[in-house]
Each structure stands twice: as structure tokens, then as C-alpha cells.
Amino acid sequence: MPIPVRDGCLLKGDLYRPDIPAPVPVLVRRTPYGASGRPGGASVDGLRLVREGYALLVQDVRGRFGSGGVFEPYVNEAADGADTLAWAVRQPWCDGTAGMFGRSYEAMAALLAAAERPPGLRAVVPHVAGSRFDEGWTRQGGALQLGFLLYWVLYDLLLDGAGLTPAERAGVEEAVDRIDDLYRDPEAADGLLDRLAPYYRRWRETPADAPYWRRIAPRASYPAIQAPALHLTGWYDIFLAGALENYRGMREQGVGSRLVVGPWSHCVTGGIFPQRRYGISADEQHLDVTGLHLDHFDRHLRGREPGGEQAPVRLFLTGADTWRSFPDWPVPGTGEYALHLAGHTLVPGPGPAEPGHRSLRHDPVDPVPTTGGATALPGQFTGGDCGPLDQREVELRADVLCFTGPPLTAPLTVVGDTALMVLVTPDAAGADITGKLVDVHPDGRAELLCDGVHRLAAGAAPEDGGPVEVTVRTGAVGHVFRPGHRVRLEIAASNAPRFDVHPPTPARHTVHFGGDHPSRLLLPRLAQG
């Protein structure tokens, strides 16, 4: 169906309707990945929505596949989405009410449209959404999310739906096939990307929080969003921090919001990773994600109260491998639990009185390889490169510093945002400081839980040669460290290709701890575990 928007552009949508004469609510999913695929997308049974009495409109966003106009990611989604909703609720097959849903980019598009307050919009379900397109999407902690960004543009945005000539498509296919080489030399793709995806350079060159980013950030529009939201995300999802911020930000505005976090990455939703199985209950389909959508839309579009548990927050606690319900996020009842760095150990309570330091080497030719975590790299379809991978091999490297606590005598339940506060004397050329939170099992397996990075530009070192305090936001977890397990922190100066390598020259940094340098790992401990 051709759907006109305010500037006269025609956007193509596919409509699925129940075979009944009465008008029904409409659910809208706007996608850059092709409306002709599965109508509900990767996680939702779209035809089940239709069988339950909803019309389903799946639309190609501007400039993609069948839709007119020029595609520039993010920029037109608020206005185009609002115009699409306004058109849909006027149709004779619609009863005047609407909901929006989708995964990833689609979820962000839904939130941007919701901020326009289109008529009839009663509910949204943003699944694995971020809260902004600069920090947390293009960058993290100041570092470019190279592994995700380069592959996403080449594979998802250019290979299909971009209207390329056969010669242009052949060039993209060749780039996708040599993606590992491009990760080592990203500039080799610049010519191709400048011709076919000029927005990629704009993302790299536009500073974080610039007006360009603010006007396309859902987080900037929380006061305008009135549609109740069900936020779905995973502990290993690349946009986890943004989804959690969306839940908090909308709830603080008085909008009814719910949150579900499972043991999933961006594209692994069955709870099964190569080295870790979380059980049948962890599977997105066993949880019935389509049913969660229906419950949410039934409540807000039809006034039906769903049966069963409806807690505001449902989290899968890894380690215990079970679902738990909570009244809010951040979870009430958590308190800051500090583990101080001391030599090669982590010490609870006050930091060591004796000062110490360790040298941290950086070699841009041989960076620390990405080993699991919240990644979305080419192995995303099998999960081979993401999630709770064993860190023992990477910990053998001389450029990875490990700090390990003693075996636990009681369970330690950590639920919330974790952080590393570390005192560092960086090289004059600049530094990336990465941190990983690891659960060390009694058999030695070192399971990655979450990680992060903080970039220091060249010249960040104080003139007096002293250290600077760096905060590495290492991510959110819902995890139970079992008795006999140990908490470990890894510190390194790179994590490639997940993040671009910085600085481009060899460097040496110094990590300080003890005495006047209380470097510490901060964990949100749940008192009543």
C-alpha cells in the first residue's frame, strides 16, 4: 500500500488484516530491513497478532526497498512514523487506535514517532532499543563501536534494499567477505562508504551530544512520549544501557512502563550460547514474547486486563538461572559494594594502605581481541562471538591485567549498573581503558558478565605527571555469584574489533591502586539475595 507523508513522499507498506468486517486496532512496524520478510520480524509471530484481531501494517522506511525518498538513518523516522500512524487510524479498517513495535532500529523508530504524539497511538513495545544514536550506538565511552557499526552498514543497510547497481553490490559483497581485513584497516572502506553511505562518515566526525544527535535521540523526548511502553532487552545486548535508560526515563515522566531483561544478545535469543546454556525458560519463545506483546496491546488498546504476573520488572538472574520479579529498576534494596584493587587481587572493604601500581601495555598492531560480551559482530547469527565466553585464553596475555577476589563463602547477588573507578597515568598519545567483570568458576572457567571502555584523548595526562580518575561504565548485570566462585576484574587498553584501536601508536599506561589511589570495582549488591 502506498502511504503518503507530509512532504509528498510515498512509503510502501504491507497490510495484514483479520477476515472480519468490523474495524480493528492497527499495530505498526516500520523497518529498514524489508517489509516482505516475516511480518512480525525476528521475535514476534506477526500472523498470530492478526489472528488475535489486530491489523498489522509493516512499512519500509524512507529510501529502503519499496519506499520512496532518500534513506538517511534515523533522521526522518519521527515525522514519517507519525504521519504513517495518522494515515493508518483514518482508514475504514481501523477502529482509531494503534500500537507500534519492532526490534533494534525499528524500536528506535517507534519511540521517535511516539514523541510526536500521533493520533490514536496507545502503546509501544521497543525491543532491544537504544536511547540515542551517538553514545551507546555509534560510540561507547568515547570509542567507536567499529565491530558493529561497519558490519551493520555494509551487510544490513547496503547489501539489500539500498537500490545499488550490480557493480556497487559486488563491491559491497567483496567488502563483507573481507570484513576482518577492514577491521584491521577501517580506512580501506572509506571510498566505498563515502559513495554509498555518506552518513557513515558523518557519524564518525560528528561529536557526541551535538545537535545532530540530540534531535534524533529518544532520550531527548521522554516528556513528550505518552504511550505506555513494554521494554524488552538482554544482558548481552549491545544497546542494553539505552533500553534501561528508556525504561527509567519514561517511568520518571509518569508513563506506565514495564521491563523484561533476559540472558540474550542482540541476535541470540534462545538462551543458548556456545559455552553456556541458561535453560529452557530462558528461551525468548518459551517466555512467549509474542504473548507479551499481545498482553500489552490488549491492555492499552482494548482495555483488557491480562492474566498472570504483571510485575513492572522481570529479570533473568544468571548464575541462579531463574526469572525474578522486582518493583522497579534500579532494583530497590541494592547497595554499593566496593572491591578495591590491590596487587593482583580484589579486596572488599577499605582499600589497601600500601600504594601500588601495574604497567599496562598497548600495541595497536596486536590489540586485545574481542572475546564475547555485548557484541554484534559477523558471528552474531550463531552467537559464536558474543555473550558469556570463557576469558582464560585472553587473560594469558601480558597486556591484560587481572584482579581476583577470594572464593565466596555465600552467594553474592549483583543487580544493576556496575562501574570501575580507576586511577591511571595515561600515555601522552592517549588511552583506552577497558574493564570486564568476570565470574570465575571453581573449575577455573572465567565467564564474562559485562564490560565497557573509556577513551582518553591525547594529552589527557596531567602536566604534573599524576594520575587521572577514570570511570569505566562496565554495564548492567543481574547475576548471582555462587559460593566457591570468585569475582574477577580485567583491565586492558583495547578490545578489538568491538572498539576501534586507540591510540594508533604503541603506548604504555600505569594503573594505580592503594594509598591515595583508591581504584575500585563498584557492584550493586542486593541485600536480600
Protein backbone atom coordinates (compact mmCIF):
# COMPACT_ATOMS: atom_id res chain seq x y z
CA MET A 1 0.00 0.00 0.00
CA PRO A 2 1.38 3.48 -0.86
CA ILE A 3 1.23 5.70 2.21
CA PRO A 4 1.78 9.46 1.73
CA VAL A 5 3.68 11.54 4.28
CA ARG A 6 3.79 15.31 4.74
CA ASP A 7 6.41 16.12 2.11
CA GLY A 8 4.63 14.07 -0.55
CA CYS A 9 6.95 11.08 -0.38
CA LEU A 10 5.20 7.70 -0.75
CA LEU A 11 6.19 4.95 1.66
CA LYS A 12 5.30 1.36 0.89
CA GLY A 13 3.58 -0.82 3.47
CA ASP A 14 2.16 -4.33 3.58
CA LEU A 15 -1.16 -4.71 5.39
CA TYR A 16 -2.36 -7.90 7.08
CA ARG A 17 -5.95 -7.92 8.37
CA PRO A 18 -8.25 -10.39 10.09
CA ASP A 19 -11.02 -11.52 7.75
CA ILE A 20 -13.82 -9.73 9.58
CA PRO A 21 -15.92 -6.72 8.53
CA ALA A 22 -15.55 -4.71 11.74
CA PRO A 23 -12.71 -2.20 12.13
CA VAL A 24 -9.88 -3.29 14.44
CA PRO A 25 -6.83 -1.74 16.15
CA VAL A 26 -3.72 -1.48 13.99
CA LEU A 27 -0.16 -2.40 15.00
CA VAL A 28 2.62 -0.74 13.02
CA ARG A 29 6.18 -1.96 12.48
CA ARG A 30 8.44 0.32 10.43
CA THR A 31 11.63 -1.33 9.21
CA PRO A 32 14.76 -0.63 7.14
CA TYR A 33 15.23 -4.37 6.61
CA GLY A 34 12.43 -5.13 4.15
CA ALA A 35 8.68 -5.35 4.78
CA SER A 36 8.42 -8.52 2.67
CA GLY A 37 10.14 -10.67 5.31
CA ARG A 38 8.47 -12.18 8.36
CA PRO A 39 5.64 -9.74 9.15
CA GLY A 40 6.38 -9.63 12.86
CA GLY A 41 10.16 -9.50 12.48
CA ALA A 42 12.68 -11.79 14.14
CA SER A 43 10.96 -12.23 17.51
CA VAL A 44 7.21 -11.77 17.02
CA ASP A 45 4.69 -14.03 15.29
CA GLY A 46 3.01 -11.37 13.18
CA LEU A 47 0.24 -13.63 11.90
CA ARG A 48 -0.64 -14.52 15.49
CA LEU A 49 -1.25 -10.82 16.10
CA VAL A 50 -3.63 -10.84 13.15
CA ARG A 51 -5.40 -13.98 14.32
CA GLU A 52 -5.94 -12.24 17.66
CA GLY A 53 -7.86 -9.47 15.92
CA TYR A 54 -5.27 -6.81 15.05
CA ALA A 55 -4.44 -5.30 11.69
CA LEU A 56 -0.69 -5.36 11.10
CA LEU A 57 0.97 -2.71 8.94
CA VAL A 58 4.62 -3.38 8.06
CA GLN A 59 6.29 -0.47 6.31
CA ASP A 60 9.61 0.08 4.57
CA VAL A 61 11.13 3.28 5.96
CA ARG A 62 12.01 6.12 3.60
CA GLY A 63 14.54 5.21 0.91
CA ARG A 64 14.52 1.48 1.65
CA PHE A 65 13.22 -1.31 -0.58
CA GLY A 66 9.81 -0.21 -1.94
CA SER A 67 9.59 3.21 -0.28
CA GLY A 68 10.41 6.48 -2.00
CA GLY A 69 12.81 9.16 -0.84
CA VAL A 70 16.43 9.07 0.30
CA PHE A 71 17.46 6.98 3.28
CA GLU A 72 19.43 8.72 5.98
CA PRO A 73 19.32 6.59 9.11
CA TYR A 74 17.27 7.98 11.99
CA VAL A 75 16.64 11.45 10.54
CA ASN A 76 13.11 11.06 9.14
CA GLU A 77 11.68 8.41 11.47
CA ALA A 78 9.85 10.74 13.86
CA ALA A 79 7.89 12.62 11.20
CA ASP A 80 7.41 9.66 8.84
CA GLY A 81 6.29 7.42 11.67
CA ALA A 82 3.81 9.97 13.00
CA ASP A 83 2.38 10.55 9.51
CA THR A 84 2.05 6.80 8.95
CA LEU A 85 0.14 6.40 12.23
CA ALA A 86 -2.13 9.33 11.38
CA TRP A 87 -2.89 7.78 7.99
CA ALA A 88 -3.50 4.30 9.42
CA VAL A 89 -6.00 5.32 12.10
CA ARG A 90 -8.11 7.16 9.46
CA GLN A 91 -8.59 4.03 7.36
CA PRO A 92 -12.01 2.31 7.42
CA TRP A 93 -10.48 -0.98 8.57
CA CYS A 94 -9.05 0.68 11.72
CA ASP A 95 -11.03 1.49 14.83
CA GLY A 96 -8.92 4.59 15.51
CA THR A 97 -6.40 3.02 17.89
CA ALA A 98 -2.83 1.97 17.18
CA GLY A 99 0.29 0.47 18.68
CA MET A 100 3.90 0.35 17.46
CA PHE A 101 6.57 -2.30 17.93
CA GLY A 102 9.85 -3.59 16.48
CA ARG A 103 13.41 -4.62 17.23
CA SER A 104 16.58 -2.52 17.28
CA TYR A 105 16.36 0.28 14.67
CA GLU A 106 12.62 -0.42 14.34
CA ALA A 107 12.20 0.08 18.09
CA MET A 108 14.04 3.40 17.99
CA ALA A 109 11.85 4.48 15.07
CA ALA A 110 8.77 3.65 17.14
CA LEU A 111 9.97 5.73 20.09
CA LEU A 112 10.82 8.68 17.85
CA ALA A 113 7.34 8.54 16.30
CA ALA A 114 5.73 8.22 19.74
CA ALA A 115 7.35 11.51 20.75
CA GLU A 116 5.30 13.20 18.00
CA ARG A 117 2.10 12.09 19.80
CA PRO A 118 0.35 10.85 16.66
CA PRO A 119 -3.41 10.44 16.98
CA GLY A 120 -4.59 7.07 18.19
CA LEU A 121 -1.22 5.77 19.44
CA ARG A 122 -1.94 3.99 22.71
CA ALA A 123 1.10 1.73 23.33
CA VAL A 124 4.61 0.85 22.13
CA VAL A 125 6.87 -2.18 22.55
CA PRO A 126 10.51 -1.18 21.88
CA HIS A 127 12.55 -4.41 21.71
CA VAL A 128 16.35 -4.12 22.14
CA ALA A 129 16.19 -0.35 21.59
CA GLY A 130 18.83 2.22 22.42
CA SER A 131 18.17 5.64 23.88
CA ARG A 132 20.35 7.66 21.49
CA PHE A 133 22.31 7.13 18.29
CA ASP A 134 25.65 8.58 19.35
CA GLU A 135 26.71 7.19 22.73
CA GLY A 136 25.57 3.59 23.08
CA TRP A 137 25.08 3.07 19.32
CA THR A 138 27.85 4.72 17.28
CA ARG A 139 30.21 5.04 20.22
CA GLN A 140 30.64 3.71 23.72
CA GLY A 141 32.68 5.51 26.33
CA GLY A 142 34.05 7.68 23.53
CA ALA A 143 35.28 4.73 21.44
CA LEU A 144 33.80 3.94 18.04
CA GLN A 145 31.79 0.70 18.07
CA LEU A 146 33.64 -0.38 14.95
CA GLY A 147 32.76 -4.07 15.04
CA PHE A 148 29.01 -3.47 14.99
CA LEU A 149 28.86 -0.25 13.01
CA LEU A 150 30.94 -1.22 9.98
CA TYR A 151 29.28 -4.59 9.54
CA TRP A 152 25.78 -3.19 10.10
CA VAL A 153 26.18 -0.59 7.37
CA LEU A 154 27.77 -2.96 4.87
CA TYR A 155 25.65 -6.04 5.47
CA ASP A 156 22.29 -4.79 6.73
CA LEU A 157 21.96 -1.38 5.12
CA LEU A 158 23.81 -1.71 1.78
CA LEU A 159 23.72 -5.33 0.68
CA ASP A 160 19.93 -5.30 0.20
CA GLY A 161 17.29 -2.60 -0.08
CA ALA A 162 19.60 0.29 -0.97
CA GLY A 163 18.91 0.26 -4.73
CA LEU A 164 22.52 -0.43 -5.70
CA THR A 165 23.67 -1.20 -9.21
CA PRO A 166 25.11 -4.70 -9.80
CA ALA A 167 28.63 -3.26 -9.75
CA GLU A 168 28.00 -1.41 -6.50
CA ARG A 169 26.52 -4.51 -4.88
CA ALA A 170 29.54 -6.54 -5.98
CA GLY A 171 31.78 -4.03 -4.22
CA VAL A 172 29.75 -4.33 -1.01
CA GLU A 173 29.81 -8.13 -1.20
CA GLU A 174 33.58 -8.05 -1.55
CA ALA A 175 33.85 -5.75 1.49
CA VAL A 176 31.60 -8.01 3.59
CA ASP A 177 33.69 -11.03 2.64
CA ARG A 178 36.89 -9.33 3.82
CA ILE A 179 35.41 -7.72 6.92
CA ASP A 180 38.24 -8.98 9.14
CA ASP A 181 40.77 -7.15 6.97
CA LEU A 182 38.66 -3.99 7.15
CA TYR A 183 38.52 -4.22 10.93
CA ARG A 184 42.32 -4.08 10.94
CA ASP A 185 42.36 -1.26 8.37
CA PRO A 186 38.98 0.53 8.54
CA GLU A 187 40.11 3.37 6.28
CA ALA A 188 40.28 0.91 3.38
CA ALA A 189 36.46 1.01 3.29
CA ASP A 190 36.19 4.80 3.25
CA GLY A 191 35.93 5.20 -0.53
CA LEU A 192 33.14 2.66 -0.84
CA LEU A 193 31.23 4.05 2.13
CA ASP A 194 31.62 7.68 1.06
CA ARG A 195 29.97 6.79 -2.27
CA LEU A 196 27.19 4.54 -1.00
CA ALA A 197 26.67 5.50 2.67
CA PRO A 198 27.89 9.08 3.26
CA TYR A 199 26.14 9.08 6.63
CA TYR A 200 28.83 6.72 7.99
CA ARG A 201 31.50 9.44 7.80
CA ARG A 202 29.05 11.95 9.30
CA TRP A 203 28.59 9.67 12.32
CA ARG A 204 32.33 9.33 12.83
CA GLU A 205 33.00 13.06 12.51
CA THR A 206 30.06 14.47 14.47
CA PRO A 207 30.92 14.92 18.17
CA ALA A 208 28.82 13.16 20.77
CA ASP A 209 25.77 15.08 22.00
CA ALA A 210 25.92 17.51 19.07
CA PRO A 211 22.58 18.97 17.85
CA TYR A 212 22.59 16.42 15.01
CA TRP A 213 22.39 13.61 17.58
CA ARG A 214 20.08 15.32 20.07
CA ARG A 215 17.25 15.85 17.60
CA ILE A 216 17.11 12.12 16.80
CA ALA A 217 17.52 10.81 20.35
CA PRO A 218 14.53 9.21 22.10
CA ARG A 219 16.06 10.23 25.44
CA ALA A 220 15.59 13.89 24.47
CA SER A 221 11.84 13.33 24.06
CA TYR A 222 10.81 11.40 27.18
CA PRO A 223 8.48 14.23 28.35
CA ALA A 224 6.63 14.06 25.02
CA ILE A 225 6.10 10.28 24.95
CA GLN A 226 2.75 9.38 26.46
CA ALA A 227 2.22 5.84 25.12
CA PRO A 228 2.83 3.14 27.77
CA ALA A 229 5.83 1.01 26.86
CA LEU A 230 6.99 -2.57 27.32
CA HIS A 231 10.80 -2.58 27.08
CA LEU A 232 12.48 -5.87 26.13
CA THR A 233 16.24 -6.37 26.14
CA GLY A 234 19.07 -8.75 27.05
CA TRP A 235 22.04 -8.73 29.40
CA TYR A 236 24.41 -9.20 26.44
CA ASP A 237 22.57 -6.85 24.09
CA ILE A 238 24.72 -4.13 22.57
CA PHE A 239 22.06 -1.50 23.38
CA LEU A 240 21.25 -2.70 26.92
CA ALA A 241 22.21 0.58 28.59
CA GLY A 242 19.89 2.52 26.28
CA ALA A 243 16.94 0.22 26.90
CA LEU A 244 17.38 0.59 30.66
CA GLU A 245 17.61 4.37 30.29
CA ASN A 246 14.41 4.36 28.21
CA TYR A 247 12.57 2.47 30.93
CA ARG A 248 13.79 4.81 33.69
CA GLY A 249 13.28 7.99 31.68
CA MET A 250 9.72 7.23 30.61
CA ARG A 251 8.72 5.91 34.03
CA GLU A 252 10.02 9.09 35.66
CA GLN A 253 7.63 11.04 33.40
CA GLY A 254 4.72 9.07 34.80
CA VAL A 255 4.28 6.85 31.72
CA GLY A 256 3.33 3.27 32.55
CA SER A 257 6.37 1.21 31.64
CA ARG A 258 7.45 -2.38 32.11
CA LEU A 259 10.83 -4.01 31.62
CA VAL A 260 11.93 -7.54 30.73
CA VAL A 261 15.63 -8.49 30.58
CA GLY A 262 16.67 -11.98 29.52
CA PRO A 263 20.01 -13.79 29.01
CA TRP A 264 20.15 -12.74 25.38
CA SER A 265 22.42 -10.88 22.99
CA HIS A 266 21.20 -8.74 20.12
CA CYS A 267 20.63 -11.72 17.84
CA VAL A 268 20.88 -14.73 20.19
CA THR A 269 17.51 -15.08 21.90
CA GLY A 270 17.27 -18.75 22.78
CA GLY A 271 19.37 -18.55 25.94
CA ILE A 272 21.94 -20.90 24.37
CA PHE A 273 25.49 -19.70 23.69
CA PRO A 274 28.40 -21.87 22.52
CA GLN A 275 29.77 -22.23 26.05
CA ARG A 276 26.67 -21.60 28.15
CA ARG A 277 23.08 -22.86 28.33
CA TYR A 278 20.68 -20.97 30.56
CA GLY A 279 17.84 -23.49 30.36
CA ILE A 280 14.55 -23.80 28.51
CA SER A 281 12.90 -21.00 30.49
CA ALA A 282 15.50 -18.59 29.11
CA ASP A 283 14.31 -19.01 25.52
CA GLU A 284 12.57 -15.93 24.18
CA GLN A 285 9.93 -18.14 22.58
CA HIS A 286 9.38 -20.16 25.78
CA LEU A 287 8.81 -16.85 27.55
CA ASP A 288 6.32 -16.12 24.74
CA VAL A 289 7.45 -12.72 23.57
CA THR A 290 4.53 -12.55 21.14
CA GLY A 291 2.20 -13.15 24.08
CA LEU A 292 3.87 -10.30 25.98
CA HIS A 293 3.15 -8.01 23.04
CA LEU A 294 -0.47 -9.13 22.94
CA ASP A 295 -0.94 -8.63 26.68
CA HIS A 296 0.48 -5.11 26.42
CA PHE A 297 -1.59 -4.11 23.40
CA ASP A 298 -4.75 -5.78 24.72
CA ARG A 299 -4.49 -3.78 27.93
CA HIS A 300 -3.89 -0.38 26.35
CA LEU A 301 -5.77 -0.65 23.07
CA ARG A 302 -8.70 -2.82 24.17
CA GLY A 303 -8.90 -2.23 27.91
CA ARG A 304 -8.39 -5.91 28.74
CA GLU A 305 -6.53 -6.79 31.92
CA PRO A 306 -4.14 -9.66 31.15
CA GLY A 307 -3.97 -12.65 33.46
CA GLY A 308 -0.86 -13.89 35.22
CA GLU A 309 2.03 -11.97 36.67
CA GLN A 310 2.37 -8.34 35.60
CA ALA A 311 5.31 -7.09 37.69
CA PRO A 312 6.90 -3.86 36.44
CA VAL A 313 10.31 -5.53 36.08
CA ARG A 314 11.17 -9.14 35.23
CA LEU A 315 14.83 -10.13 35.16
CA PHE A 316 16.56 -13.40 34.41
CA LEU A 317 19.26 -13.74 37.07
CA THR A 318 22.21 -15.51 35.53
CA GLY A 319 24.17 -17.71 37.89
CA ALA A 320 20.91 -18.69 39.57
CA ASP A 321 19.43 -19.12 36.05
CA THR A 322 15.91 -18.16 37.04
CA TRP A 323 13.39 -15.37 36.43
CA ARG A 324 12.73 -12.91 39.25
CA SER A 325 10.23 -10.06 39.56
CA PHE A 326 11.05 -6.65 41.00
CA PRO A 327 9.09 -3.44 41.60
CA ASP A 328 11.41 -1.16 39.64
CA TRP A 329 14.79 -0.52 38.01
CA PRO A 330 17.22 0.32 39.55
CA VAL A 331 16.15 -2.54 41.81
CA PRO A 332 15.21 -1.33 45.31
CA GLY A 333 17.27 -2.84 48.09
CA THR A 334 20.62 -2.73 46.35
CA GLY A 335 23.63 -1.06 47.92
CA GLU A 336 27.07 -0.14 46.64
CA TYR A 337 29.62 -2.92 47.21
CA ALA A 338 33.21 -1.82 46.62
CA LEU A 339 36.06 -4.16 45.79
CA HIS A 340 39.41 -2.36 45.85
CA LEU A 341 42.31 -3.21 43.57
CA ALA A 342 45.35 -4.47 45.44
CA GLY A 343 48.25 -6.06 43.57
CA HIS A 344 46.59 -8.91 41.70
CA THR A 345 43.56 -9.14 43.99
CA LEU A 346 40.21 -7.53 44.77
CA VAL A 347 39.70 -6.61 48.41
CA PRO A 348 36.27 -5.88 49.95
CA GLY A 349 36.01 -3.02 52.43
CA PRO A 350 38.61 -0.26 52.75
CA GLY A 351 41.37 -0.17 50.16
CA PRO A 352 44.93 -1.22 50.98
CA ALA A 353 47.02 1.37 52.78
CA GLU A 354 50.12 0.49 50.78
CA PRO A 355 50.19 2.17 47.35
CA GLY A 356 50.98 0.14 44.28
CA HIS A 357 50.83 0.20 40.51
CA ARG A 358 50.93 -2.02 37.45
CA SER A 359 52.02 -1.21 33.92
CA LEU A 360 49.51 -1.55 31.09
CA ARG A 361 50.95 -2.01 27.60
CA HIS A 362 49.17 -1.12 24.33
CA ASP A 363 50.22 -2.38 20.90
CA PRO A 364 47.91 -1.21 18.07
CA VAL A 365 49.27 -3.94 15.78
CA ASP A 366 48.34 -6.64 18.28
CA PRO A 367 45.32 -5.35 20.24
CA VAL A 368 43.48 -7.43 22.83
CA PRO A 369 40.97 -9.46 20.79
CA THR A 370 37.25 -9.18 21.44
CA THR A 371 36.19 -12.31 23.33
CA GLY A 372 32.45 -12.32 23.95
CA GLY A 373 30.36 -9.67 25.66
CA ALA A 374 27.65 -7.39 24.29
CA THR A 375 28.83 -7.61 20.70
CA ALA A 376 27.08 -7.64 17.33
CA LEU A 377 29.84 -8.83 15.03
CA PRO A 378 29.65 -11.09 11.95
CA GLY A 379 29.22 -14.16 14.13
CA GLN A 380 26.01 -12.71 15.51
CA PHE A 381 23.86 -15.23 13.68
CA THR A 382 25.38 -18.18 15.56
CA GLY A 383 26.37 -16.32 18.71
CA GLY A 384 29.92 -17.52 18.33
CA ASP A 385 31.46 -14.15 19.14
CA CYS A 386 29.14 -12.82 21.85
CA GLY A 387 27.85 -13.50 25.33
CA PRO A 388 29.42 -15.31 28.29
CA LEU A 389 32.60 -16.61 26.69
CA ASP A 390 35.48 -18.05 28.73
CA GLN A 391 38.21 -15.43 29.20
CA ARG A 392 41.09 -17.71 30.26
CA GLU A 393 42.91 -17.57 26.94
CA VAL A 394 42.79 -13.79 26.65
CA GLU A 395 43.81 -13.48 30.33
CA LEU A 396 47.13 -15.14 29.47
CA ARG A 397 48.18 -12.07 27.50
CA ALA A 398 50.75 -9.78 29.09
CA ASP A 399 48.61 -6.74 28.18
CA VAL A 400 45.61 -7.89 30.25
CA LEU A 401 45.68 -7.13 33.99
CA CYS A 402 43.63 -9.43 36.23
CA PHE A 403 42.46 -8.68 39.77
CA THR A 404 40.68 -11.59 41.51
CA GLY A 405 38.78 -11.79 44.77
CA PRO A 406 38.83 -14.72 47.21
CA PRO A 407 36.39 -17.66 46.89
CA LEU A 408 32.96 -16.61 48.12
CA THR A 409 31.53 -18.28 51.20
CA ALA A 410 27.95 -17.12 50.50
CA PRO A 411 26.01 -16.11 47.37
CA LEU A 412 26.66 -12.61 46.08
CA THR A 413 23.70 -11.20 44.12
CA VAL A 414 24.55 -8.26 41.88
CA VAL A 415 21.67 -6.46 40.13
CA GLY A 416 22.19 -3.13 38.43
CA ASP A 417 24.84 -0.96 36.79
CA THR A 418 28.46 -1.81 37.52
CA ALA A 419 31.43 0.54 37.21
CA LEU A 420 35.20 0.63 37.51
CA MET A 421 36.74 3.70 39.17
CA VAL A 422 40.44 3.52 38.41
CA LEU A 423 43.40 5.89 38.75
CA VAL A 424 45.50 5.87 35.58
CA THR A 425 48.53 7.72 34.30
CA PRO A 426 47.89 7.56 30.55
CA ASP A 427 50.41 7.76 27.76
CA ALA A 428 50.71 11.20 26.17
CA ALA A 429 49.29 9.71 22.95
CA GLY A 430 46.00 8.89 24.71
CA ALA A 431 44.46 5.71 26.08
CA ASP A 432 41.52 3.36 26.03
CA ILE A 433 40.84 1.79 29.41
CA THR A 434 38.63 -1.29 29.21
CA GLY A 435 37.13 -3.19 32.12
CA LYS A 436 35.49 -6.62 32.29
CA LEU A 437 33.51 -8.17 35.14
CA VAL A 438 34.12 -11.93 35.23
CA ASP A 439 32.70 -14.83 37.27
CA VAL A 440 35.47 -17.35 37.97
CA HIS A 441 34.02 -20.83 38.50
CA PRO A 442 35.62 -23.39 40.83
CA ASP A 443 36.96 -25.28 37.79
CA GLY A 444 38.72 -22.11 36.58
CA ARG A 445 36.26 -21.11 33.86
CA ALA A 446 36.27 -17.30 33.64
CA GLU A 447 32.80 -16.32 32.41
CA LEU A 448 32.39 -12.80 31.08
CA LEU A 449 29.38 -10.95 32.52
CA CYS A 450 29.73 -7.38 31.22
CA ASP A 451 32.35 -4.91 30.07
CA GLY A 452 32.97 -1.35 28.97
CA VAL A 453 35.52 1.20 27.79
CA HIS A 454 36.53 4.79 28.45
CA ARG A 455 38.63 6.76 25.97
CA LEU A 456 41.18 9.38 26.99
CA ALA A 457 42.30 11.71 24.21
CA ALA A 458 45.92 12.58 23.56
CA GLY A 459 47.20 14.98 26.17
CA ALA A 460 44.80 13.83 28.86
CA ALA A 461 47.62 13.19 31.31
CA PRO A 462 48.09 16.00 33.88
CA GLU A 463 51.13 18.21 33.40
CA ASP A 464 52.47 17.16 36.81
CA GLY A 465 52.56 13.54 35.64
CA GLY A 466 49.97 12.42 38.19
CA PRO A 467 47.12 10.02 37.52
CA VAL A 468 43.60 10.83 36.39
CA GLU A 469 40.50 9.11 37.75
CA VAL A 470 38.71 7.21 35.00
CA THR A 471 35.17 5.86 35.26
CA VAL A 472 34.57 2.86 33.05
CA ARG A 473 30.87 2.03 32.86
CA THR A 474 31.16 -1.72 32.68
CA GLY A 475 27.46 -2.38 32.11
CA ALA A 476 24.43 -3.76 33.88
CA VAL A 477 24.02 -7.30 35.21
CA GLY A 478 21.55 -9.44 37.08
CA HIS A 479 23.84 -12.18 38.35
CA VAL A 480 24.36 -14.47 41.32
CA PHE A 481 27.96 -15.36 42.15
CA ARG A 482 27.64 -18.75 43.83
CA PRO A 483 29.65 -19.92 46.86
CA GLY A 484 33.09 -21.08 45.78
CA HIS A 485 33.10 -18.68 42.82
CA ARG A 486 35.34 -15.61 42.65
CA VAL A 487 34.85 -12.09 41.31
CA ARG A 488 37.45 -11.03 38.77
CA LEU A 489 38.18 -7.72 37.07
CA GLU A 490 40.14 -7.49 33.83
CA ILE A 491 41.74 -4.22 32.72
CA ALA A 492 43.23 -3.75 29.26
CA ALA A 493 43.92 -0.97 26.76
CA SER A 494 41.95 -2.35 23.80
CA ASN A 495 39.07 -4.63 22.81
CA ALA A 496 39.22 -5.08 19.04
CA PRO A 497 37.40 -5.15 16.74
CA ARG A 498 34.49 -4.34 19.02
CA PHE A 499 36.02 -0.88 19.51
CA ASP A 500 38.39 0.93 17.17
CA VAL A 501 42.02 0.91 18.30
CA HIS A 502 43.33 3.97 20.15
CA PRO A 503 45.94 5.38 20.08
CA PRO A 504 47.38 4.27 16.73
CA THR A 505 50.89 4.12 18.18
CA PRO A 506 52.39 1.88 20.89
CA ALA A 507 51.70 3.23 24.36
CA ARG A 508 52.23 2.42 28.00
CA HIS A 509 49.92 3.41 30.83
CA THR A 510 50.14 2.96 34.60
CA VAL A 511 47.25 1.68 36.74
CA HIS A 512 47.47 2.90 40.36
CA PHE A 513 45.82 1.43 43.46
CA GLY A 514 46.08 1.60 47.23
CA GLY A 515 47.04 4.51 49.47
CA ASP A 516 45.85 7.77 47.93
CA HIS A 517 44.71 5.97 44.78
CA PRO A 518 41.57 4.01 45.76
CA SER A 519 40.90 2.24 42.46
CA ARG A 520 37.85 0.07 42.89
CA LEU A 521 35.16 -2.01 41.26
CA LEU A 522 31.64 -0.92 42.24
CA LEU A 523 28.89 -3.54 42.30
CA PRO A 524 25.20 -3.02 43.17
CA ARG A 525 24.70 -5.79 45.74
CA LEU A 526 21.18 -6.95 46.53
CA ALA A 527 20.97 -7.21 50.31
CA GLN A 528 18.16 -9.77 50.33
CA GLY A 529 19.61 -12.05 47.66
